[in-house]
Amino acid sequence: MSLANFIFVLIAAFFGTFLRFCINNNFLISIIGSFFFGFIIAKRFTKPINRILLSGFCSCFTSFSGFMYFLYELVNLQDYVKIFVYLNIMIVLNLFMMHCGFIISRKIT
């Protein structure tokens, strides 16, 4: 990867992290991030652009660690029903939103 692309990944990561900080809602961030991910994948950008958008922006925006921290808090509360429901809803809803992003991106092109 060239130095310019590396800098663009860092800039995209900064904006993804900044938006995550501004929204501060794991559920909403996960839904929006899955939609963006599907939208970007469907566009078939070049490899450097995909790396900038997916590895830079989307990875820092959605941050799997934020999702895991929320689940860890539920484990500490020993609320196993909420854990089961939240996990299933998040997985199904995120797959659905990623598919919606993919379909909408294809319709726009």
PDB file of N, CA and C in Angstrom:
ATOM      1  N   MET A   1       0.860  -1.166   0.000  1.00  0.00           N
ATOM      2  CA  MET A   1       0.000   0.000   0.000  1.00  0.00           C
ATOM      3  C   MET A   1       0.907   1.229   0.000  1.00  0.00           C
ATOM      4  N   SER A   2       0.521   2.199  -0.803  1.00  0.00           N
ATOM      5  CA  SER A   2       1.323   3.420  -0.888  1.00  0.00           C
ATOM      6  C   SER A   2       1.104   4.291   0.348  1.00  0.00           C
ATOM      7  N   LEU A   3       2.015   5.207   0.541  1.00  0.00           N
ATOM      8  CA  LEU A   3       1.926   6.112   1.693  1.00  0.00           C
ATOM      9  C   LEU A   3       0.665   6.972   1.614  1.00  0.00           C
ATOM     10  N   ALA A   4       0.308   7.406   0.403  1.00  0.00           N
ATOM     11  CA  ALA A   4      -0.894   8.232   0.235  1.00  0.00           C
ATOM     12  C   ALA A   4      -2.144   7.453   0.642  1.00  0.00           C
ATOM     13  N   ASN A   5      -2.242   6.191   0.206  1.00  0.00           N
ATOM     14  CA  ASN A   5      -3.399   5.367   0.589  1.00  0.00           C
ATOM     15  C   ASN A   5      -3.444   5.127   2.090  1.00  0.00           C
ATOM     16  N   PHE A   6      -2.274   4.923   2.690  1.00  0.00           N
ATOM     17  CA  PHE A   6      -2.201   4.733   4.135  1.00  0.00           C
ATOM     18  C   PHE A   6      -2.718   5.972   4.865  1.00  0.00           C
ATOM     19  N   ILE A   7      -2.352   7.138   4.382  1.00  0.00           N
ATOM     20  CA  ILE A   7      -2.823   8.391   4.990  1.00  0.00           C
ATOM     21  C   ILE A   7      -4.333   8.533   4.811  1.00  0.00           C
ATOM     22  N   PHE A   8      -4.845   8.140   3.640  1.00  0.00           N
ATOM     23  CA  PHE A   8      -6.292   8.208   3.419  1.00  0.00           C
ATOM     24  C   PHE A   8      -7.044   7.244   4.350  1.00  0.00           C
ATOM     25  N   VAL A   9      -6.479   6.066   4.600  1.00  0.00           N
ATOM     26  CA  VAL A   9      -7.095   5.119   5.548  1.00  0.00           C
ATOM     27  C   VAL A   9      -7.126   5.739   6.942  1.00  0.00           C
ATOM     28  N   LEU A  10      -6.050   6.389   7.339  1.00  0.00           N
ATOM     29  CA  LEU A  10      -6.012   7.053   8.649  1.00  0.00           C
ATOM     30  C   LEU A  10      -7.042   8.166   8.749  1.00  0.00           C
ATOM     31  N   ILE A  11      -7.202   8.947   7.693  1.00  0.00           N
ATOM     32  CA  ILE A  11      -8.188  10.033   7.695  1.00  0.00           C
ATOM     33  C   ILE A  11      -9.602   9.458   7.773  1.00  0.00           C
ATOM     34  N   ALA A  12      -9.863   8.398   6.980  1.00  0.00           N
ATOM     35  CA  ALA A  12     -11.184   7.755   7.017  1.00  0.00           C
ATOM     36  C   ALA A  12     -11.447   7.162   8.399  1.00  0.00           C
ATOM     37  N   ALA A  13     -10.417   6.577   9.013  1.00  0.00           N
ATOM     38  CA  ALA A  13     -10.558   6.020  10.361  1.00  0.00           C
ATOM     39  C   ALA A  13     -10.884   7.118  11.364  1.00  0.00           C
ATOM     40  N   PHE A  14     -10.252   8.265  11.202  1.00  0.00           N
ATOM     41  CA  PHE A  14     -10.542   9.398  12.088  1.00  0.00           C
ATOM     42  C   PHE A  14     -12.009   9.799  11.991  1.00  0.00           C
ATOM     43  N   PHE A  15     -12.520   9.930  10.756  1.00  0.00           N
ATOM     44  CA  PHE A  15     -13.916  10.330  10.591  1.00  0.00           C
ATOM     45  C   PHE A  15     -14.881   9.263  11.098  1.00  0.00           C
ATOM     46  N   GLY A  16     -14.560   7.989  10.889  1.00  0.00           N
ATOM     47  CA  GLY A  16     -15.394   6.918  11.425  1.00  0.00           C
ATOM     48  C   GLY A  16     -15.444   6.945  12.944  1.00  0.00           C
ATOM     49  N   THR A  17     -14.293   7.148  13.559  1.00  0.00           N
ATOM     50  CA  THR A  17     -14.222   7.222  15.017  1.00  0.00           C
ATOM     51  C   THR A  17     -14.945   8.454  15.539  1.00  0.00           C
ATOM     52  N   PHE A  18     -14.789   9.567  14.857  1.00  0.00           N
ATOM     53  CA  PHE A  18     -15.454  10.800  15.268  1.00  0.00           C
ATOM     54  C   PHE A  18     -16.973  10.658  15.211  1.00  0.00           C
ATOM     55  N   LEU A  19     -17.494  10.074  14.123  1.00  0.00           N
ATOM     56  CA  LEU A  19     -18.945   9.870  14.023  1.00  0.00           C
ATOM     57  C   LEU A  19     -19.443   8.908  15.097  1.00  0.00           C
ATOM     58  N   ARG A  20     -18.652   7.879  15.379  1.00  0.00           N
ATOM     59  CA  ARG A  20     -19.036   6.939  16.435  1.00  0.00           C
ATOM     60  C   ARG A  20     -19.136   7.652  17.781  1.00  0.00           C
ATOM     61  N   PHE A  21     -18.190   8.523  18.029  1.00  0.00           N
ATOM     62  CA  PHE A  21     -18.186   9.301  19.273  1.00  0.00           C
ATOM     63  C   PHE A  21     -19.400  10.220  19.334  1.00  0.00           C
ATOM     64  N   CYS A  22     -19.763  10.831  18.213  1.00  0.00           N
ATOM     65  CA  CYS A  22     -20.904  11.765  18.180  1.00  0.00           C
ATOM     66  C   CYS A  22     -22.238  11.048  18.364  1.00  0.00           C
ATOM     67  N   ILE A  23     -22.390   9.882  17.761  1.00  0.00           N
ATOM     68  CA  ILE A  23     -23.671   9.158  17.851  1.00  0.00           C
ATOM     69  C   ILE A  23     -23.801   8.464  19.202  1.00  0.00           C
ATOM     70  N   ASN A  24     -22.763   7.763  19.650  1.00  0.00           N
ATOM     71  CA  ASN A  24     -22.721   7.143  20.982  1.00  0.00           C
ATOM     72  C   ASN A  24     -23.920   6.232  21.271  1.00  0.00           C
ATOM     73  N   ASN A  25     -24.289   5.399  20.300  1.00  0.00           N
ATOM     74  CA  ASN A  25     -25.372   4.436  20.471  1.00  0.00           C
ATOM     75  C   ASN A  25     -24.980   3.175  19.708  1.00  0.00           C
ATOM     76  N   ASN A  26     -24.570   2.122  20.409  1.00  0.00           N
ATOM     77  CA  ASN A  26     -24.073   0.908  19.749  1.00  0.00           C
ATOM     78  C   ASN A  26     -25.072   0.298  18.791  1.00  0.00           C
ATOM     79  N   PHE A  27     -26.332   0.289  19.158  1.00  0.00           N
ATOM     80  CA  PHE A  27     -27.365  -0.309  18.318  1.00  0.00           C
ATOM     81  C   PHE A  27     -27.482   0.451  16.999  1.00  0.00           C
ATOM     82  N   LEU A  28     -27.614   1.759  17.068  1.00  0.00           N
ATOM     83  CA  LEU A  28     -27.761   2.591  15.874  1.00  0.00           C
ATOM     84  C   LEU A  28     -26.505   2.549  15.012  1.00  0.00           C
ATOM     85  N   ILE A  29     -25.353   2.603  15.633  1.00  0.00           N
ATOM     86  CA  ILE A  29     -24.089   2.556  14.896  1.00  0.00           C
ATOM     87  C   ILE A  29     -23.958   1.232  14.140  1.00  0.00           C
ATOM     88  N   SER A  30     -24.333   0.151  14.773  1.00  0.00           N
ATOM     89  CA  SER A  30     -24.239  -1.156  14.146  1.00  0.00           C
ATOM     90  C   SER A  30     -25.148  -1.243  12.919  1.00  0.00           C
ATOM     91  N   ILE A  31     -26.350  -0.723  13.031  1.00  0.00           N
ATOM     92  CA  ILE A  31     -27.307  -0.750  11.920  1.00  0.00           C
ATOM     93  C   ILE A  31     -26.810   0.110  10.763  1.00  0.00           C
ATOM     94  N   ILE A  32     -26.400   1.329  11.051  1.00  0.00           N
ATOM     95  CA  ILE A  32     -25.909   2.243  10.011  1.00  0.00           C
ATOM     96  C   ILE A  32     -24.636   1.677   9.366  1.00  0.00           C
ATOM     97  N   GLY A  33     -23.727   1.166  10.189  1.00  0.00           N
ATOM     98  CA  GLY A  33     -22.483   0.604   9.668  1.00  0.00           C
ATOM     99  C   GLY A  33     -22.713  -0.582   8.750  1.00  0.00           C
ATOM    100  N   SER A  34     -23.651  -1.454   9.090  1.00  0.00           N
ATOM    101  CA  SER A  34     -23.969  -2.600   8.235  1.00  0.00           C
ATOM    102  C   SER A  34     -24.547  -2.139   6.907  1.00  0.00           C
ATOM    103  N   PHE A  35     -25.394  -1.122   6.951  1.00  0.00           N
ATOM    104  CA  PHE A  35     -25.949  -0.574   5.715  1.00  0.00           C
ATOM    105  C   PHE A  35     -24.832  -0.009   4.833  1.00  0.00           C
ATOM    106  N   PHE A  36     -23.938   0.805   5.417  1.00  0.00           N
ATOM    107  CA  PHE A  36     -22.806   1.363   4.663  1.00  0.00           C
ATOM    108  C   PHE A  36     -21.940   0.258   4.071  1.00  0.00           C
ATOM    109  N   PHE A  37     -21.684  -0.765   4.856  1.00  0.00           N
ATOM    110  CA  PHE A  37     -20.832  -1.862   4.406  1.00  0.00           C
ATOM    111  C   PHE A  37     -21.425  -2.528   3.160  1.00  0.00           C
ATOM    112  N   GLY A  38     -22.717  -2.848   3.215  1.00  0.00           N
ATOM    113  CA  GLY A  38     -23.383  -3.447   2.053  1.00  0.00           C
ATOM    114  C   GLY A  38     -23.405  -2.512   0.865  1.00  0.00           C
ATOM    115  N   PHE A  39     -23.633  -1.233   1.118  1.00  0.00           N
ATOM    116  CA  PHE A  39     -23.674  -0.226   0.053  1.00  0.00           C
ATOM    117  C   PHE A  39     -22.320  -0.129  -0.649  1.00  0.00           C
ATOM    118  N   ILE A  40     -21.253  -0.096   0.131  1.00  0.00           N
ATOM    119  CA  ILE A  40     -19.908   0.053  -0.425  1.00  0.00           C
ATOM    120  C   ILE A  40     -19.488  -1.208  -1.180  1.00  0.00           C
ATOM    121  N   ILE A  41     -19.805  -2.379  -0.646  1.00  0.00           N
ATOM    122  CA  ILE A  41     -19.448  -3.627  -1.318  1.00  0.00           C
ATOM    123  C   ILE A  41     -20.109  -3.713  -2.691  1.00  0.00           C
ATOM    124  N   ALA A  42     -21.355  -3.292  -2.787  1.00  0.00           N
ATOM    125  CA  ALA A  42     -22.081  -3.379  -4.052  1.00  0.00           C
ATOM    126  C   ALA A  42     -21.533  -2.429  -5.112  1.00  0.00           C
ATOM    127  N   LYS A  43     -20.888  -1.374  -4.702  1.00  0.00           N
ATOM    128  CA  LYS A  43     -20.365  -0.386  -5.653  1.00  0.00           C
ATOM    129  C   LYS A  43     -19.160  -0.888  -6.434  1.00  0.00           C
ATOM    130  N   ARG A  44     -18.479  -1.907  -5.930  1.00  0.00           N
ATOM    131  CA  ARG A  44     -17.298  -2.480  -6.593  1.00  0.00           C
ATOM    132  C   ARG A  44     -16.244  -1.411  -6.910  1.00  0.00           C
ATOM    133  N   PHE A  45     -15.850  -0.700  -5.883  1.00  0.00           N
ATOM    134  CA  PHE A  45     -14.785   0.290  -6.017  1.00  0.00           C
ATOM    135  C   PHE A  45     -13.451  -0.424  -6.239  1.00  0.00           C
ATOM    136  N   THR A  46     -12.442   0.335  -6.544  1.00  0.00           N
ATOM    137  CA  THR A  46     -11.103  -0.238  -6.679  1.00  0.00           C
ATOM    138  C   THR A  46     -10.623  -0.721  -5.308  1.00  0.00           C
ATOM    139  N   LYS A  47      -9.587  -1.556  -5.318  1.00  0.00           N
ATOM    140  CA  LYS A  47      -9.080  -2.116  -4.063  1.00  0.00           C
ATOM    141  C   LYS A  47      -8.631  -1.033  -3.075  1.00  0.00           C
ATOM    142  N   PRO A  48      -7.891   0.005  -3.523  1.00  0.00           N
ATOM    143  CA  PRO A  48      -7.505   1.049  -2.554  1.00  0.00           C
ATOM    144  C   PRO A  48      -8.705   1.801  -1.968  1.00  0.00           C
ATOM    145  N   ILE A  49      -9.712   2.084  -2.790  1.00  0.00           N
ATOM    146  CA  ILE A  49     -10.904   2.791  -2.289  1.00  0.00           C
ATOM    147  C   ILE A  49     -11.664   1.900  -1.306  1.00  0.00           C
ATOM    148  N   ASN A  50     -11.794   0.614  -1.640  1.00  0.00           N
ATOM    149  CA  ASN A  50     -12.443  -0.326  -0.704  1.00  0.00           C
ATOM    150  C   ASN A  50     -11.704  -0.374   0.617  1.00  0.00           C
ATOM    151  N   ARG A  51     -10.395  -0.411   0.558  1.00  0.00           N
ATOM    152  CA  ARG A  51      -9.591  -0.463   1.779  1.00  0.00           C
ATOM    153  C   ARG A  51      -9.802   0.800   2.615  1.00  0.00           C
ATOM    154  N   ILE A  52      -9.855   1.941   1.946  1.00  0.00           N
ATOM    155  CA  ILE A  52     -10.060   3.206   2.659  1.00  0.00           C
ATOM    156  C   ILE A  52     -11.433   3.230   3.318  1.00  0.00           C
ATOM    157  N   LEU A  53     -12.468   2.868   2.566  1.00  0.00           N
ATOM    158  CA  LEU A  53     -13.830   2.956   3.090  1.00  0.00           C
ATOM    159  C   LEU A  53     -14.168   1.841   4.083  1.00  0.00           C
ATOM    160  N   LEU A  54     -13.773   0.605   3.758  1.00  0.00           N
ATOM    161  CA  LEU A  54     -14.144  -0.519   4.623  1.00  0.00           C
ATOM    162  C   LEU A  54     -13.208  -0.661   5.820  1.00  0.00           C
ATOM    163  N   SER A  55     -11.900  -0.687   5.563  1.00  0.00           N
ATOM    164  CA  SER A  55     -10.942  -0.864   6.663  1.00  0.00           C
ATOM    165  C   SER A  55     -10.754   0.416   7.463  1.00  0.00           C
ATOM    166  N   GLY A  56     -10.828   1.540   6.784  1.00  0.00           N
ATOM    167  CA  GLY A  56     -10.642   2.814   7.479  1.00  0.00           C
ATOM    168  C   GLY A  56     -11.910   3.283   8.157  1.00  0.00           C
ATOM    169  N   PHE A  57     -12.907   3.660   7.357  1.00  0.00           N
ATOM    170  CA  PHE A  57     -14.116   4.275   7.906  1.00  0.00           C
ATOM    171  C   PHE A  57     -15.016   3.277   8.637  1.00  0.00           C
ATOM    172  N   CYS A  58     -15.478   2.247   7.911  1.00  0.00           N
ATOM    173  CA  CYS A  58     -16.474   1.330   8.488  1.00  0.00           C
ATOM    174  C   CYS A  58     -15.953   0.579   9.708  1.00  0.00           C
ATOM    175  N   SER A  59     -14.697   0.149   9.661  1.00  0.00           N
ATOM    176  CA  SER A  59     -14.152  -0.599  10.802  1.00  0.00           C
ATOM    177  C   SER A  59     -14.079   0.248  12.055  1.00  0.00           C
ATOM    178  N   CYS A  60     -13.697   1.492  11.902  1.00  0.00           N
ATOM    179  CA  CYS A  60     -13.623   2.368  13.081  1.00  0.00           C
ATOM    180  C   CYS A  60     -15.001   2.868  13.496  1.00  0.00           C
ATOM    181  N   PHE A  61     -15.913   2.981  12.546  1.00  0.00           N
ATOM    182  CA  PHE A  61     -17.259   3.443  12.861  1.00  0.00           C
ATOM    183  C   PHE A  61     -18.030   2.366  13.623  1.00  0.00           C
ATOM    184  N   THR A  62     -18.007   1.135  13.139  1.00  0.00           N
ATOM    185  CA  THR A  62     -18.818   0.092  13.771  1.00  0.00           C
ATOM    186  C   THR A  62     -18.142  -0.530  14.979  1.00  0.00           C
ATOM    187  N   SER A  63     -16.857  -0.681  14.979  1.00  0.00           N
ATOM    188  CA  SER A  63     -16.064  -1.147  16.119  1.00  0.00           C
ATOM    189  C   SER A  63     -16.708  -2.316  16.856  1.00  0.00           C
ATOM    190  N   PHE A  64     -16.271  -3.495  16.525  1.00  0.00           N
ATOM    191  CA  PHE A  64     -16.773  -4.718  17.154  1.00  0.00           C
ATOM    192  C   PHE A  64     -16.587  -4.676  18.670  1.00  0.00           C
ATOM    193  N   SER A  65     -15.567  -3.990  19.125  1.00  0.00           N
ATOM    194  CA  SER A  65     -15.310  -3.935  20.563  1.00  0.00           C
ATOM    195  C   SER A  65     -16.431  -3.215  21.316  1.00  0.00           C
ATOM    196  N   GLY A  66     -17.063  -2.233  20.695  1.00  0.00           N
ATOM    197  CA  GLY A  66     -18.196  -1.557  21.325  1.00  0.00           C
ATOM    198  C   GLY A  66     -19.367  -2.503  21.517  1.00  0.00           C
ATOM    199  N   PHE A  67     -19.602  -3.345  20.527  1.00  0.00           N
ATOM    200  CA  PHE A  67     -20.655  -4.355  20.585  1.00  0.00           C
ATOM    201  C   PHE A  67     -20.352  -5.362  21.692  1.00  0.00           C
ATOM    202  N   MET A  68     -19.101  -5.809  21.763  1.00  0.00           N
ATOM    203  CA  MET A  68     -18.702  -6.785  22.776  1.00  0.00           C
ATOM    204  C   MET A  68     -18.771  -6.197  24.181  1.00  0.00           C
ATOM    205  N   TYR A  69     -18.420  -4.927  24.323  1.00  0.00           N
ATOM    206  CA  TYR A  69     -18.485  -4.287  25.638  1.00  0.00           C
ATOM    207  C   TYR A  69     -19.926  -4.245  26.147  1.00  0.00           C
ATOM    208  N   PHE A  70     -20.868  -3.930  25.257  1.00  0.00           N
ATOM    209  CA  PHE A  70     -22.277  -3.906  25.644  1.00  0.00           C
ATOM    210  C   PHE A  70     -22.727  -5.298  26.104  1.00  0.00           C
ATOM    211  N   LEU A  71     -22.323  -6.333  25.364  1.00  0.00           N
ATOM    212  CA  LEU A  71     -22.669  -7.703  25.773  1.00  0.00           C
ATOM    213  C   LEU A  71     -22.020  -8.074  27.099  1.00  0.00           C
ATOM    214  N   TYR A  72     -20.796  -7.625  27.305  1.00  0.00           N
ATOM    215  CA  TYR A  72     -20.099  -7.891  28.564  1.00  0.00           C
ATOM    216  C   TYR A  72     -20.840  -7.260  29.741  1.00  0.00           C
ATOM    217  N   GLU A  73     -21.371  -6.073  29.539  1.00  0.00           N
ATOM    218  CA  GLU A  73     -22.149  -5.431  30.602  1.00  0.00           C
ATOM    219  C   GLU A  73     -23.393  -6.253  30.933  1.00  0.00           C
ATOM    220  N   LEU A  74     -24.039  -6.806  29.906  1.00  0.00           N
ATOM    221  CA  LEU A  74     -25.209  -7.653  30.144  1.00  0.00           C
ATOM    222  C   LEU A  74     -24.822  -8.941  30.874  1.00  0.00           C
ATOM    223  N   VAL A  75     -23.660  -9.490  30.561  1.00  0.00           N
ATOM    224  CA  VAL A  75     -23.180 -10.690  31.260  1.00  0.00           C
ATOM    225  C   VAL A  75     -22.954 -10.373  32.737  1.00  0.00           C
ATOM    226  N   ASN A  76     -22.365  -9.232  33.014  1.00  0.00           N
ATOM    227  CA  ASN A  76     -22.135  -8.829  34.410  1.00  0.00           C
ATOM    228  C   ASN A  76     -23.437  -8.658  35.171  1.00  0.00           C
ATOM    229  N   LEU A  77     -24.477  -8.221  34.479  1.00  0.00           N
ATOM    230  CA  LEU A  77     -25.794  -8.091  35.115  1.00  0.00           C
ATOM    231  C   LEU A  77     -26.507  -9.427  35.208  1.00  0.00           C
ATOM    232  N   GLN A  78     -25.940 -10.446  34.589  1.00  0.00           N
ATOM    233  CA  GLN A  78     -26.516 -11.787  34.533  1.00  0.00           C
ATOM    234  C   GLN A  78     -27.924 -11.788  33.962  1.00  0.00           C
ATOM    235  N   ASP A  79     -28.119 -10.965  32.953  1.00  0.00           N
ATOM    236  CA  ASP A  79     -29.412 -10.891  32.277  1.00  0.00           C
ATOM    237  C   ASP A  79     -29.325 -11.710  30.991  1.00  0.00           C
ATOM    238  N   TYR A  80     -29.412 -13.017  31.116  1.00  0.00           N
ATOM    239  CA  TYR A  80     -29.169 -13.932  30.015  1.00  0.00           C
ATOM    240  C   TYR A  80     -30.258 -13.880  28.942  1.00  0.00           C
ATOM    241  N   VAL A  81     -31.458 -13.554  29.324  1.00  0.00           N
ATOM    242  CA  VAL A  81     -32.533 -13.426  28.340  1.00  0.00           C
ATOM    243  C   VAL A  81     -32.248 -12.230  27.427  1.00  0.00           C
ATOM    244  N   LYS A  82     -31.837 -11.109  28.013  1.00  0.00           N
ATOM    245  CA  LYS A  82     -31.497  -9.935  27.213  1.00  0.00           C
ATOM    246  C   LYS A  82     -30.317 -10.227  26.288  1.00  0.00           C
ATOM    247  N   ILE A  83     -29.342 -10.963  26.786  1.00  0.00           N
ATOM    248  CA  ILE A  83     -28.183 -11.313  25.954  1.00  0.00           C
ATOM    249  C   ILE A  83     -28.642 -12.114  24.744  1.00  0.00           C
ATOM    250  N   PHE A  84     -29.445 -13.124  24.967  1.00  0.00           N
ATOM    251  CA  PHE A  84     -29.934 -13.976  23.882  1.00  0.00           C
ATOM    252  C   PHE A  84     -30.746 -13.172  22.865  1.00  0.00           C
ATOM    253  N   VAL A  85     -31.656 -12.356  23.359  1.00  0.00           N
ATOM    254  CA  VAL A  85     -32.506 -11.552  22.471  1.00  0.00           C
ATOM    255  C   VAL A  85     -31.671 -10.538  21.705  1.00  0.00           C
ATOM    256  N   TYR A  86     -30.789  -9.831  22.408  1.00  0.00           N
ATOM    257  CA  TYR A  86     -29.979  -8.792  21.777  1.00  0.00           C
ATOM    258  C   TYR A  86     -29.068  -9.386  20.699  1.00  0.00           C
ATOM    259  N   LEU A  87     -28.425 -10.490  21.007  1.00  0.00           N
ATOM    260  CA  LEU A  87     -27.542 -11.127  20.023  1.00  0.00           C
ATOM    261  C   LEU A  87     -28.305 -11.526  18.770  1.00  0.00           C
ATOM    262  N   ASN A  88     -29.436 -12.162  18.933  1.00  0.00           N
ATOM    263  CA  ASN A  88     -30.207 -12.616  17.776  1.00  0.00           C
ATOM    264  C   ASN A  88     -30.763 -11.451  16.967  1.00  0.00           C
ATOM    265  N   ILE A  89     -31.278 -10.456  17.645  1.00  0.00           N
ATOM    266  CA  ILE A  89     -31.799  -9.291  16.932  1.00  0.00           C
ATOM    267  C   ILE A  89     -30.681  -8.583  16.174  1.00  0.00           C
ATOM    268  N   MET A  90     -29.545  -8.405  16.816  1.00  0.00           N
ATOM    269  CA  MET A  90     -28.435  -7.698  16.171  1.00  0.00           C
ATOM    270  C   MET A  90     -27.925  -8.445  14.947  1.00  0.00           C
ATOM    271  N   ILE A  91     -27.779  -9.738  15.038  1.00  0.00           N
ATOM    272  CA  ILE A  91     -27.268 -10.504  13.905  1.00  0.00           C
ATOM    273  C   ILE A  91     -28.247 -10.456  12.738  1.00  0.00           C
ATOM    274  N   VAL A  92     -29.509 -10.726  12.987  1.00  0.00           N
ATOM    275  CA  VAL A  92     -30.506 -10.727  11.923  1.00  0.00           C
ATOM    276  C   VAL A  92     -30.692  -9.319  11.350  1.00  0.00           C
ATOM    277  N   LEU A  93     -30.805  -8.334  12.200  1.00  0.00           N
ATOM    278  CA  LEU A  93     -31.017  -6.967  11.740  1.00  0.00           C
ATOM    279  C   LEU A  93     -29.817  -6.432  10.966  1.00  0.00           C
ATOM    280  N   ASN A  94     -28.603  -6.740  11.425  1.00  0.00           N
ATOM    281  CA  ASN A  94     -27.419  -6.289  10.705  1.00  0.00           C
ATOM    282  C   ASN A  94     -27.294  -6.951   9.338  1.00  0.00           C
ATOM    283  N   LEU A  95     -27.595  -8.229   9.247  1.00  0.00           N
ATOM    284  CA  LEU A  95     -27.581  -8.900   7.941  1.00  0.00           C
ATOM    285  C   LEU A  95     -28.629  -8.291   7.018  1.00  0.00           C
ATOM    286  N   PHE A  96     -29.806  -8.015   7.555  1.00  0.00           N
ATOM    287  CA  PHE A  96     -30.861  -7.399   6.764  1.00  0.00           C
ATOM    288  C   PHE A  96     -30.455  -6.015   6.267  1.00  0.00           C
ATOM    289  N   MET A  97     -29.879  -5.202   7.146  1.00  0.00           N
ATOM    290  CA  MET A  97     -29.463  -3.853   6.758  1.00  0.00           C
ATOM    291  C   MET A  97     -28.314  -3.886   5.749  1.00  0.00           C
ATOM    292  N   MET A  98     -27.409  -4.837   5.890  1.00  0.00           N
ATOM    293  CA  MET A  98     -26.326  -4.974   4.920  1.00  0.00           C
ATOM    294  C   MET A  98     -26.901  -5.343   3.552  1.00  0.00           C
ATOM    295  N   HIS A  99     -27.869  -6.240   3.540  1.00  0.00           N
ATOM    296  CA  HIS A  99     -28.532  -6.621   2.294  1.00  0.00           C
ATOM    297  C   HIS A  99     -29.278  -5.428   1.694  1.00  0.00           C
ATOM    298  N   CYS A 100     -29.954  -4.651   2.523  1.00  0.00           N
ATOM    299  CA  CYS A 100     -30.658  -3.448   2.032  1.00  0.00           C
ATOM    300  C   CYS A 100     -29.678  -2.458   1.404  1.00  0.00           C
ATOM    301  N   GLY A 101     -28.549  -2.240   2.061  1.00  0.00           N
ATOM    302  CA  GLY A 101     -27.531  -1.355   1.514  1.00  0.00           C
ATOM    303  C   GLY A 101     -27.024  -1.858   0.177  1.00  0.00           C
ATOM    304  N   PHE A 102     -26.821  -3.158   0.080  1.00  0.00           N
ATOM    305  CA  PHE A 102     -26.366  -3.772  -1.164  1.00  0.00           C
ATOM    306  C   PHE A 102     -27.395  -3.568  -2.284  1.00  0.00           C
ATOM    307  N   ILE A 103     -28.662  -3.835  -1.984  1.00  0.00           N
ATOM    308  CA  ILE A 103     -29.731  -3.721  -2.983  1.00  0.00           C
ATOM    309  C   ILE A 103     -29.899  -2.260  -3.413  1.00  0.00           C
ATOM    310  N   ILE A 104     -29.937  -1.347  -2.465  1.00  0.00           N
ATOM    311  CA  ILE A 104     -30.112   0.072  -2.796  1.00  0.00           C
ATOM    312  C   ILE A 104     -28.939   0.575  -3.625  1.00  0.00           C
ATOM    313  N   SER A 105     -27.746   0.159  -3.302  1.00  0.00           N
ATOM    314  CA  SER A 105     -26.575   0.565  -4.061  1.00  0.00           C
ATOM    315  C   SER A 105     -26.662   0.063  -5.499  1.00  0.00           C
ATOM    316  N   ARG A 106     -27.126  -1.138  -5.688  1.00  0.00           N
ATOM    317  CA  ARG A 106     -27.296  -1.699  -7.054  1.00  0.00           C
ATOM    318  C   ARG A 106     -28.381  -0.967  -7.826  1.00  0.00           C
ATOM    319  N   LYS A 107     -29.437  -0.557  -7.146  1.00  0.00           N
ATOM    320  CA  LYS A 107     -30.539   0.161  -7.825  1.00  0.00           C
ATOM    321  C   LYS A 107     -30.102   1.547  -8.267  1.00  0.00           C
ATOM    322  N   ILE A 108     -29.222   2.187  -7.480  1.00  0.00           N
ATOM    323  CA  ILE A 108     -28.766   3.528  -7.809  1.00  0.00           C
ATOM    324  C   ILE A 108     -27.852   3.503  -9.033  1.00  0.00           C
ATOM    325  N   THR A 109     -27.046   2.461  -9.163  1.00  0.00           N
ATOM    326  CA  THR A 109     -26.080   2.386 -10.258  1.00  0.00           C
ATOM    327  C   THR A 109     -26.735   2.086 -11.566  1.00  0.00           C
TER     328      THR A 109
END
